[in-house]
Structure formats: structure tokens, C-alpha cells
Amino acid sequence: MRLRSLLFVPADRPERFAKAAASGADAIILDLEDSVALSRKAVAREAVRATLQDHTDVVRMVRINPVDSGWLDDDLAAARGADAIMLPKATGPATVLALVEAYGDDCPPILPIATEVPAAIFTLGEYARVNGRLCGLTWGAEDLPAAIGAATSREDDGSYTEPYK
């Protein structure tokens, strides 16, 4: 699975899915997490479920809500048929294993967002224990600053501040 360019699409906006798939991105991420309001989570899950029934040449990844959000079972039910699952707020291999256990043996590859919570930084090297379940590791520059009380992660010109480069 080649993942050079990833395009996020709010999962409650299915009218955008086809355009995203035609964009040339290596993968589209049907986002059930941050881009979907609480009141629209169920609508978003239905849209994901419906679009995953259609075949496409682009990799379709579903960003679920965090494992401990209370929505894991509903999100995973909607994500059946995804090519991969993006795992937000991952704290290490234990989070990956919890996802695999909840999904089952046919769990697709997982892409953890490995730096969204402060404690996660100390477990980065441990992902080697679950590398057979991963399609990569990625980082997030927005949730970590919020978690540590930083005012911003970006300069006025949009570039990252020193701690996030």
C-alpha cells in the first residue's frame, strides 16, 4: 500500500467522496473523528458503510474515533470493507491490539496517529511489536499542542513552530 498523499474527507459529506477519490491522492480518509459533529456521527457511519460497498481503485481508509471514545463498535461496523483504518489518539501497541481485538482477525492494516497524546511519544519504539498489523505510522500536529496547553503549533505563515518540525 503506497501512502504518499492522503486526502481527508468528512464522512458526513458523501457528495465529496467521488471527487476525493478522483483527486489523484494515494488514499482517501473517510473521517469519522474530528471533522464530524457529534450530532452527525450516525449519518457519517451510514455514508461510510454505503461507500465501502462500491469498488474503487483508490485506497479507502476510515479514521475512526479513539478506541476509548465509546464509539468503537459502531465505527468498526461502519468501517467493514475499508482498505485500512486510521487510529487516532494511539498511545502505543496496546491501542493497536485493542483495535485488532475489537475488529477481529480480518482487521485491515492500521495507520496509527502516533503523536496526538503526550504519553504516546514514549512508546514510539514499541510499535515494532505490532508491525505486522500496521501500514505505517503518522503524526498529528494539532492534538498534541492542545493536550500540552500550547497556544499554537504554527507560525503566522502556516509553517510549524520549532517543536513540531
N, C-alpha and C. Protein backbone atom coordinates (compact mmCIF):
# COMPACT_ATOMS: atom_id res chain seq x y z
N MET A 1 0.86 -1.17 0.00
CA MET A 1 0.00 0.00 0.00
C MET A 1 0.90 1.24 0.00
N ARG A 2 0.79 2.03 -1.03
CA ARG A 2 1.60 3.24 -1.15
C ARG A 2 0.80 4.41 -0.58
N LEU A 3 1.38 5.07 0.42
CA LEU A 3 0.68 6.16 1.10
C LEU A 3 1.54 7.42 1.12
N ARG A 4 1.64 8.08 -0.02
CA ARG A 4 2.39 9.33 -0.08
C ARG A 4 1.50 10.53 0.15
N SER A 5 0.28 10.46 -0.38
CA SER A 5 -0.65 11.57 -0.23
C SER A 5 -1.99 11.03 0.27
N LEU A 6 -2.47 11.64 1.34
CA LEU A 6 -3.72 11.21 1.97
C LEU A 6 -4.67 12.41 1.98
N LEU A 7 -5.90 12.19 1.55
CA LEU A 7 -6.87 13.27 1.49
C LEU A 7 -8.02 12.96 2.44
N PHE A 8 -8.18 13.81 3.45
CA PHE A 8 -9.26 13.64 4.42
C PHE A 8 -10.56 14.17 3.84
N VAL A 9 -11.64 13.43 4.08
CA VAL A 9 -12.97 13.83 3.66
C VAL A 9 -13.91 13.62 4.84
N PRO A 10 -14.64 14.64 5.26
CA PRO A 10 -15.60 14.42 6.35
C PRO A 10 -16.59 13.32 5.96
N ALA A 11 -16.75 12.34 6.80
CA ALA A 11 -17.59 11.19 6.45
C ALA A 11 -19.07 11.52 6.36
N ASP A 12 -19.47 12.65 6.88
CA ASP A 12 -20.87 13.04 6.76
C ASP A 12 -21.13 13.89 5.51
N ARG A 13 -20.16 13.90 4.60
CA ARG A 13 -20.29 14.65 3.33
C ARG A 13 -20.07 13.70 2.14
N PRO A 14 -20.92 12.70 1.96
CA PRO A 14 -20.71 11.70 0.91
C PRO A 14 -20.68 12.28 -0.50
N GLU A 15 -21.25 13.46 -0.68
CA GLU A 15 -21.21 14.08 -2.01
C GLU A 15 -19.78 14.46 -2.40
N ARG A 16 -18.86 14.44 -1.46
CA ARG A 16 -17.46 14.77 -1.73
C ARG A 16 -16.59 13.53 -1.98
N PHE A 17 -17.10 12.35 -1.72
CA PHE A 17 -16.29 11.14 -1.79
C PHE A 17 -15.75 10.88 -3.20
N ALA A 18 -16.59 10.97 -4.22
CA ALA A 18 -16.15 10.67 -5.59
C ALA A 18 -15.09 11.66 -6.05
N LYS A 19 -15.28 12.93 -5.76
CA LYS A 19 -14.29 13.94 -6.15
C LYS A 19 -12.96 13.67 -5.45
N ALA A 20 -13.01 13.30 -4.18
CA ALA A 20 -11.79 12.98 -3.44
C ALA A 20 -11.10 11.77 -4.06
N ALA A 21 -11.87 10.75 -4.41
CA ALA A 21 -11.30 9.54 -5.00
C ALA A 21 -10.65 9.83 -6.34
N ALA A 22 -11.16 10.82 -7.07
CA ALA A 22 -10.61 11.18 -8.38
C ALA A 22 -9.47 12.19 -8.29
N SER A 23 -9.08 12.58 -7.10
CA SER A 23 -8.10 13.65 -6.91
C SER A 23 -6.67 13.28 -7.24
N GLY A 24 -6.38 11.99 -7.31
CA GLY A 24 -5.01 11.56 -7.51
C GLY A 24 -4.28 11.22 -6.22
N ALA A 25 -4.93 11.42 -5.09
CA ALA A 25 -4.33 11.05 -3.81
C ALA A 25 -4.17 9.53 -3.75
N ASP A 26 -3.16 9.08 -3.04
CA ASP A 26 -2.96 7.64 -2.88
C ASP A 26 -4.07 7.01 -2.05
N ALA A 27 -4.63 7.78 -1.13
CA ALA A 27 -5.71 7.26 -0.29
C ALA A 27 -6.64 8.40 0.09
N ILE A 28 -7.92 8.05 0.22
CA ILE A 28 -8.85 8.99 0.82
C ILE A 28 -9.17 8.47 2.21
N ILE A 29 -9.29 9.40 3.12
CA ILE A 29 -9.59 9.05 4.50
C ILE A 29 -11.00 9.54 4.80
N LEU A 30 -11.89 8.60 4.97
CA LEU A 30 -13.27 8.91 5.34
C LEU A 30 -13.25 9.14 6.84
N ASP A 31 -13.38 10.38 7.22
CA ASP A 31 -13.12 10.79 8.60
C ASP A 31 -14.38 10.76 9.46
N LEU A 32 -14.39 9.85 10.43
CA LEU A 32 -15.47 9.78 11.41
C LEU A 32 -15.14 10.55 12.67
N GLU A 33 -13.92 11.06 12.79
CA GLU A 33 -13.49 11.68 14.04
C GLU A 33 -13.72 13.19 14.03
N ASP A 34 -12.64 13.95 13.95
CA ASP A 34 -12.68 15.40 14.20
C ASP A 34 -13.56 16.21 13.26
N SER A 35 -13.72 15.78 12.03
CA SER A 35 -14.47 16.60 11.08
C SER A 35 -15.98 16.37 11.13
N VAL A 36 -16.43 15.49 12.01
CA VAL A 36 -17.85 15.18 12.09
C VAL A 36 -18.40 15.59 13.46
N ALA A 37 -19.42 16.42 13.44
CA ALA A 37 -20.07 16.85 14.69
C ALA A 37 -20.73 15.66 15.38
N LEU A 38 -20.82 15.73 16.69
CA LEU A 38 -21.44 14.64 17.45
C LEU A 38 -22.82 14.29 16.92
N SER A 39 -23.58 15.28 16.57
CA SER A 39 -24.95 15.05 16.10
C SER A 39 -25.01 14.37 14.74
N ARG A 40 -23.87 14.27 14.05
CA ARG A 40 -23.84 13.70 12.69
C ARG A 40 -23.05 12.40 12.60
N LYS A 41 -22.62 11.87 13.74
CA LYS A 41 -21.82 10.63 13.72
C LYS A 41 -22.58 9.48 13.06
N ALA A 42 -23.85 9.28 13.39
CA ALA A 42 -24.62 8.17 12.82
C ALA A 42 -24.78 8.33 11.31
N VAL A 43 -25.06 9.54 10.85
CA VAL A 43 -25.17 9.83 9.42
C VAL A 43 -23.84 9.52 8.73
N ALA A 44 -22.75 9.91 9.35
CA ALA A 44 -21.42 9.67 8.78
C ALA A 44 -21.14 8.17 8.66
N ARG A 45 -21.48 7.42 9.69
CA ARG A 45 -21.24 5.97 9.65
C ARG A 45 -22.04 5.33 8.51
N GLU A 46 -23.26 5.75 8.31
CA GLU A 46 -24.07 5.21 7.22
C GLU A 46 -23.45 5.54 5.86
N ALA A 47 -22.93 6.74 5.71
CA ALA A 47 -22.29 7.13 4.45
C ALA A 47 -21.04 6.30 4.20
N VAL A 48 -20.26 6.06 5.24
CA VAL A 48 -19.06 5.22 5.11
C VAL A 48 -19.47 3.81 4.71
N ARG A 49 -20.42 3.25 5.42
CA ARG A 49 -20.88 1.89 5.14
C ARG A 49 -21.31 1.77 3.67
N ALA A 50 -22.06 2.73 3.19
CA ALA A 50 -22.56 2.68 1.81
C ALA A 50 -21.43 2.80 0.80
N THR A 51 -20.50 3.70 1.01
CA THR A 51 -19.44 3.91 0.02
C THR A 51 -18.45 2.75 0.00
N LEU A 52 -18.26 2.07 1.11
CA LEU A 52 -17.32 0.95 1.13
C LEU A 52 -17.86 -0.27 0.39
N GLN A 53 -19.13 -0.27 0.04
CA GLN A 53 -19.70 -1.37 -0.74
C GLN A 53 -19.34 -1.25 -2.21
N ASP A 54 -18.95 -0.07 -2.66
CA ASP A 54 -18.57 0.15 -4.06
C ASP A 54 -17.07 -0.05 -4.22
N HIS A 55 -16.67 -0.63 -5.34
CA HIS A 55 -15.25 -0.83 -5.62
C HIS A 55 -14.65 0.45 -6.20
N THR A 56 -13.41 0.70 -5.84
CA THR A 56 -12.68 1.84 -6.39
C THR A 56 -11.20 1.49 -6.43
N ASP A 57 -10.45 2.19 -7.25
CA ASP A 57 -9.02 1.93 -7.35
C ASP A 57 -8.21 2.65 -6.28
N VAL A 58 -8.80 3.63 -5.63
CA VAL A 58 -8.09 4.39 -4.61
C VAL A 58 -8.22 3.66 -3.26
N VAL A 59 -7.18 3.74 -2.46
CA VAL A 59 -7.22 3.17 -1.12
C VAL A 59 -8.22 3.96 -0.29
N ARG A 60 -9.11 3.26 0.37
CA ARG A 60 -10.11 3.90 1.24
C ARG A 60 -9.80 3.54 2.69
N MET A 61 -9.46 4.55 3.43
CA MET A 61 -9.12 4.39 4.83
C MET A 61 -10.22 5.09 5.64
N VAL A 62 -10.54 4.53 6.79
CA VAL A 62 -11.52 5.16 7.67
C VAL A 62 -10.81 5.58 8.94
N ARG A 63 -10.90 6.88 9.26
CA ARG A 63 -10.39 7.34 10.55
C ARG A 63 -11.54 7.22 11.53
N ILE A 64 -11.36 6.29 12.46
CA ILE A 64 -12.37 6.06 13.48
C ILE A 64 -12.16 7.07 14.61
N ASN A 65 -13.07 7.04 15.56
CA ASN A 65 -12.89 7.82 16.78
C ASN A 65 -11.93 7.04 17.68
N PRO A 66 -11.35 7.67 18.69
CA PRO A 66 -10.41 6.96 19.56
C PRO A 66 -11.01 5.68 20.15
N VAL A 67 -10.15 4.71 20.38
CA VAL A 67 -10.56 3.41 20.91
C VAL A 67 -11.39 3.55 22.18
N ASP A 68 -11.05 4.51 23.02
CA ASP A 68 -11.75 4.68 24.30
C ASP A 68 -12.90 5.69 24.23
N SER A 69 -13.37 6.01 23.04
CA SER A 69 -14.41 7.04 22.88
C SER A 69 -15.82 6.55 23.20
N GLY A 70 -16.00 5.24 23.25
CA GLY A 70 -17.34 4.69 23.41
C GLY A 70 -18.03 4.42 22.08
N TRP A 71 -17.40 4.78 20.97
CA TRP A 71 -17.97 4.59 19.64
C TRP A 71 -17.25 3.52 18.83
N LEU A 72 -16.34 2.80 19.45
CA LEU A 72 -15.50 1.87 18.70
C LEU A 72 -16.33 0.84 17.94
N ASP A 73 -17.25 0.18 18.59
CA ASP A 73 -18.02 -0.87 17.92
C ASP A 73 -18.81 -0.31 16.74
N ASP A 74 -19.45 0.83 16.92
CA ASP A 74 -20.22 1.44 15.83
C ASP A 74 -19.31 1.86 14.68
N ASP A 75 -18.17 2.44 15.01
CA ASP A 75 -17.23 2.87 13.96
C ASP A 75 -16.70 1.67 13.18
N LEU A 76 -16.33 0.60 13.89
CA LEU A 76 -15.78 -0.57 13.21
C LEU A 76 -16.83 -1.27 12.37
N ALA A 77 -18.07 -1.28 12.81
CA ALA A 77 -19.13 -1.86 11.99
C ALA A 77 -19.27 -1.09 10.68
N ALA A 78 -19.16 0.21 10.73
CA ALA A 78 -19.24 1.03 9.52
C ALA A 78 -18.01 0.86 8.64
N ALA A 79 -16.87 0.58 9.24
CA ALA A 79 -15.60 0.51 8.51
C ALA A 79 -15.34 -0.84 7.86
N ARG A 80 -16.23 -1.80 8.00
CA ARG A 80 -16.04 -3.11 7.36
C ARG A 80 -15.89 -2.91 5.86
N GLY A 81 -14.83 -3.46 5.30
CA GLY A 81 -14.57 -3.30 3.88
C GLY A 81 -13.55 -2.22 3.56
N ALA A 82 -13.13 -1.47 4.57
CA ALA A 82 -12.09 -0.45 4.34
C ALA A 82 -10.77 -1.13 4.03
N ASP A 83 -9.94 -0.45 3.27
CA ASP A 83 -8.61 -0.97 2.96
C ASP A 83 -7.65 -0.80 4.13
N ALA A 84 -7.93 0.15 5.00
CA ALA A 84 -7.10 0.41 6.18
C ALA A 84 -7.91 1.24 7.17
N ILE A 85 -7.44 1.25 8.40
CA ILE A 85 -8.08 2.05 9.44
C ILE A 85 -7.04 2.99 10.02
N MET A 86 -7.39 4.27 10.08
CA MET A 86 -6.54 5.25 10.74
C MET A 86 -6.97 5.32 12.20
N LEU A 87 -6.00 5.18 13.09
CA LEU A 87 -6.25 5.09 14.52
C LEU A 87 -5.78 6.35 15.23
N PRO A 88 -6.70 7.24 15.61
CA PRO A 88 -6.30 8.47 16.30
C PRO A 88 -6.03 8.23 17.78
N LYS A 89 -5.29 9.15 18.36
CA LYS A 89 -5.01 9.15 19.80
C LYS A 89 -4.38 7.83 20.26
N ALA A 90 -3.61 7.20 19.39
CA ALA A 90 -2.93 5.95 19.75
C ALA A 90 -1.88 6.24 20.81
N THR A 91 -1.79 5.38 21.79
CA THR A 91 -0.80 5.55 22.85
C THR A 91 0.29 4.50 22.79
N GLY A 92 0.24 3.64 21.80
CA GLY A 92 1.26 2.61 21.65
C GLY A 92 0.64 1.33 21.12
N PRO A 93 1.42 0.24 21.15
CA PRO A 93 0.95 -1.03 20.62
C PRO A 93 -0.32 -1.54 21.30
N ALA A 94 -0.51 -1.22 22.55
CA ALA A 94 -1.72 -1.68 23.25
C ALA A 94 -2.98 -1.14 22.59
N THR A 95 -2.92 0.08 22.09
CA THR A 95 -4.08 0.66 21.40
C THR A 95 -4.34 -0.08 20.09
N VAL A 96 -3.28 -0.40 19.37
CA VAL A 96 -3.41 -1.17 18.13
C VAL A 96 -4.03 -2.53 18.43
N LEU A 97 -3.52 -3.20 19.45
CA LEU A 97 -4.04 -4.53 19.79
C LEU A 97 -5.50 -4.48 20.25
N ALA A 98 -5.88 -3.42 20.93
CA ALA A 98 -7.28 -3.26 21.34
C ALA A 98 -8.17 -3.12 20.11
N LEU A 99 -7.70 -2.39 19.12
CA LEU A 99 -8.45 -2.23 17.88
C LEU A 99 -8.58 -3.57 17.16
N VAL A 100 -7.48 -4.30 17.04
CA VAL A 100 -7.50 -5.60 16.37
C VAL A 100 -8.45 -6.56 17.08
N GLU A 101 -8.40 -6.57 18.40
CA GLU A 101 -9.29 -7.45 19.17
C GLU A 101 -10.76 -7.09 18.92
N ALA A 102 -11.06 -5.82 18.88
CA ALA A 102 -12.44 -5.39 18.66
C ALA A 102 -12.91 -5.70 17.24
N TYR A 103 -12.02 -5.56 16.26
CA TYR A 103 -12.39 -5.78 14.86
C TYR A 103 -12.47 -7.26 14.54
N GLY A 104 -11.47 -8.02 14.99
CA GLY A 104 -11.39 -9.44 14.67
C GLY A 104 -10.18 -9.74 13.81
N ASP A 105 -9.99 -11.02 13.52
CA ASP A 105 -8.81 -11.48 12.79
C ASP A 105 -8.68 -10.89 11.39
N ASP A 106 -9.79 -10.49 10.79
CA ASP A 106 -9.75 -9.94 9.44
C ASP A 106 -9.55 -8.42 9.44
N CYS A 107 -9.01 -7.89 10.52
CA CYS A 107 -8.76 -6.46 10.63
C CYS A 107 -7.82 -6.00 9.51
N PRO A 108 -8.19 -4.94 8.80
CA PRO A 108 -7.30 -4.42 7.77
C PRO A 108 -6.07 -3.75 8.40
N PRO A 109 -5.09 -3.39 7.59
CA PRO A 109 -3.92 -2.69 8.14
C PRO A 109 -4.33 -1.40 8.86
N ILE A 110 -3.52 -1.04 9.83
CA ILE A 110 -3.82 0.10 10.70
C ILE A 110 -2.74 1.16 10.53
N LEU A 111 -3.16 2.41 10.49
CA LEU A 111 -2.25 3.55 10.45
C LEU A 111 -2.46 4.37 11.72
N PRO A 112 -1.66 4.12 12.76
CA PRO A 112 -1.83 4.89 14.00
C PRO A 112 -1.32 6.32 13.84
N ILE A 113 -2.06 7.25 14.43
CA ILE A 113 -1.55 8.61 14.57
C ILE A 113 -0.83 8.59 15.92
N ALA A 114 0.48 8.54 15.85
CA ALA A 114 1.28 8.14 17.00
C ALA A 114 1.75 9.27 17.90
N THR A 115 1.35 10.49 17.64
CA THR A 115 1.86 11.60 18.47
C THR A 115 0.78 12.57 18.90
N GLU A 116 -0.44 12.12 19.02
CA GLU A 116 -1.51 13.06 19.37
C GLU A 116 -1.67 13.27 20.87
N VAL A 117 -1.17 12.34 21.66
CA VAL A 117 -1.24 12.48 23.12
C VAL A 117 0.18 12.43 23.67
N PRO A 118 0.47 13.23 24.69
CA PRO A 118 1.85 13.33 25.19
C PRO A 118 2.50 12.00 25.55
N ALA A 119 1.81 11.12 26.23
CA ALA A 119 2.41 9.86 26.66
C ALA A 119 2.81 8.98 25.48
N ALA A 120 2.18 9.16 24.34
CA ALA A 120 2.46 8.32 23.18
C ALA A 120 3.89 8.45 22.69
N ILE A 121 4.49 9.58 22.90
CA ILE A 121 5.85 9.81 22.42
C ILE A 121 6.83 8.80 23.03
N PHE A 122 6.54 8.37 24.24
CA PHE A 122 7.45 7.45 24.93
C PHE A 122 7.29 6.00 24.50
N THR A 123 6.30 5.71 23.66
CA THR A 123 6.09 4.33 23.20
C THR A 123 6.35 4.16 21.71
N LEU A 124 6.88 5.16 21.05
CA LEU A 124 7.07 5.08 19.60
C LEU A 124 7.88 3.86 19.18
N GLY A 125 8.94 3.55 19.89
CA GLY A 125 9.78 2.42 19.54
C GLY A 125 9.11 1.07 19.72
N GLU A 126 8.06 1.03 20.48
CA GLU A 126 7.38 -0.23 20.76
C GLU A 126 6.45 -0.69 19.63
N TYR A 127 6.18 0.17 18.66
CA TYR A 127 5.31 -0.24 17.55
C TYR A 127 5.91 -1.38 16.76
N ALA A 128 7.20 -1.61 16.87
CA ALA A 128 7.83 -2.74 16.18
C ALA A 128 7.18 -4.06 16.58
N ARG A 129 6.63 -4.13 17.78
CA ARG A 129 5.98 -5.37 18.25
C ARG A 129 4.72 -5.70 17.47
N VAL A 130 4.11 -4.71 16.86
CA VAL A 130 2.85 -4.94 16.13
C VAL A 130 2.98 -4.56 14.65
N ASN A 131 4.21 -4.53 14.14
CA ASN A 131 4.42 -4.04 12.77
C ASN A 131 3.68 -4.85 11.72
N GLY A 132 3.35 -6.09 11.99
CA GLY A 132 2.59 -6.89 11.04
C GLY A 132 1.16 -6.41 10.87
N ARG A 133 0.69 -5.59 11.78
CA ARG A 133 -0.68 -5.06 11.73
C ARG A 133 -0.73 -3.65 11.14
N LEU A 134 0.43 -3.04 10.89
CA LEU A 134 0.48 -1.63 10.50
C LEU A 134 0.73 -1.45 9.02
N CYS A 135 0.24 -0.35 8.47
CA CYS A 135 0.61 0.06 7.11
C CYS A 135 1.49 1.30 7.16
N GLY A 136 1.89 1.69 8.37
CA GLY A 136 2.76 2.83 8.58
C GLY A 136 2.49 3.45 9.93
N LEU A 137 3.14 4.55 10.19
CA LEU A 137 2.90 5.39 11.36
C LEU A 137 2.79 6.82 10.86
N THR A 138 1.97 7.60 11.49
CA THR A 138 1.89 9.00 11.12
C THR A 138 1.78 9.84 12.38
N TRP A 139 1.85 11.13 12.22
CA TRP A 139 1.82 12.02 13.38
C TRP A 139 0.78 13.10 13.15
N GLY A 140 0.33 13.68 14.22
CA GLY A 140 -0.62 14.78 14.14
C GLY A 140 -0.07 15.99 14.86
N ALA A 141 -0.16 17.13 14.23
CA ALA A 141 0.42 18.34 14.82
C ALA A 141 -0.60 19.23 15.50
N GLU A 142 -1.84 18.81 15.58
CA GLU A 142 -2.85 19.69 16.17
C GLU A 142 -3.27 19.24 17.57
N ASP A 143 -3.50 17.95 17.76
CA ASP A 143 -3.98 17.47 19.06
C ASP A 143 -2.92 17.55 20.15
N LEU A 144 -1.67 17.25 19.82
CA LEU A 144 -0.60 17.31 20.82
C LEU A 144 -0.45 18.71 21.41
N PRO A 145 -0.36 19.76 20.61
CA PRO A 145 -0.26 21.09 21.21
C PRO A 145 -1.44 21.41 22.13
N ALA A 146 -2.63 21.01 21.72
CA ALA A 146 -3.80 21.25 22.57
C ALA A 146 -3.68 20.49 23.88
N ALA A 147 -3.18 19.25 23.82
CA ALA A 147 -3.06 18.43 25.02
C ALA A 147 -2.05 18.98 26.02
N ILE A 148 -1.01 19.64 25.51
CA ILE A 148 0.02 20.16 26.42
C ILE A 148 -0.18 21.64 26.73
N GLY A 149 -1.24 22.23 26.21
CA GLY A 149 -1.55 23.62 26.52
C GLY A 149 -0.81 24.64 25.68
N ALA A 150 -0.25 24.21 24.55
CA ALA A 150 0.43 25.15 23.67
C ALA A 150 -0.59 26.06 22.98
N ALA A 151 -0.21 27.28 22.76
CA ALA A 151 -1.11 28.23 22.11
C ALA A 151 -1.29 27.90 20.63
N THR A 152 -0.25 27.38 19.99
CA THR A 152 -0.31 27.08 18.57
C THR A 152 0.83 26.13 18.21
N SER A 153 0.70 25.48 17.08
CA SER A 153 1.78 24.66 16.53
C SER A 153 2.30 25.27 15.24
N ARG A 154 1.76 26.43 14.87
CA ARG A 154 2.13 27.04 13.59
C ARG A 154 2.51 28.50 13.74
N GLU A 155 3.39 28.92 12.86
CA GLU A 155 3.77 30.33 12.75
C GLU A 155 2.69 31.07 11.96
N ASP A 156 2.80 32.38 11.89
CA ASP A 156 1.83 33.18 11.14
C ASP A 156 1.77 32.80 9.67
N ASP A 157 2.89 32.32 9.12
CA ASP A 157 2.91 31.95 7.70
C ASP A 157 2.43 30.52 7.46
N GLY A 158 2.00 29.82 8.51
CA GLY A 158 1.49 28.46 8.37
C GLY A 158 2.51 27.37 8.61
N SER A 159 3.79 27.72 8.66
CA SER A 159 4.82 26.72 8.92
C SER A 159 4.76 26.30 10.39
N TYR A 160 5.30 25.11 10.66
CA TYR A 160 5.29 24.61 12.03
C TYR A 160 6.28 25.36 12.91
N THR A 161 5.93 25.52 14.17
CA THR A 161 6.87 26.09 15.14
C THR A 161 7.94 25.04 15.41
N GLU A 162 9.04 25.45 15.99
CA GLU A 162 10.20 24.57 16.18
C GLU A 162 9.88 23.22 16.83
N PRO A 163 9.11 23.15 17.89
CA PRO A 163 8.89 21.83 18.50
C PRO A 163 8.20 20.81 17.59
N TYR A 164 7.52 21.28 16.54
CA TYR A 164 6.74 20.37 15.70
C TYR A 164 7.36 20.12 14.34
N LYS A 165 8.55 20.67 14.09
CA LYS A 165 9.22 20.44 12.81
C LYS A 165 9.83 19.07 12.76
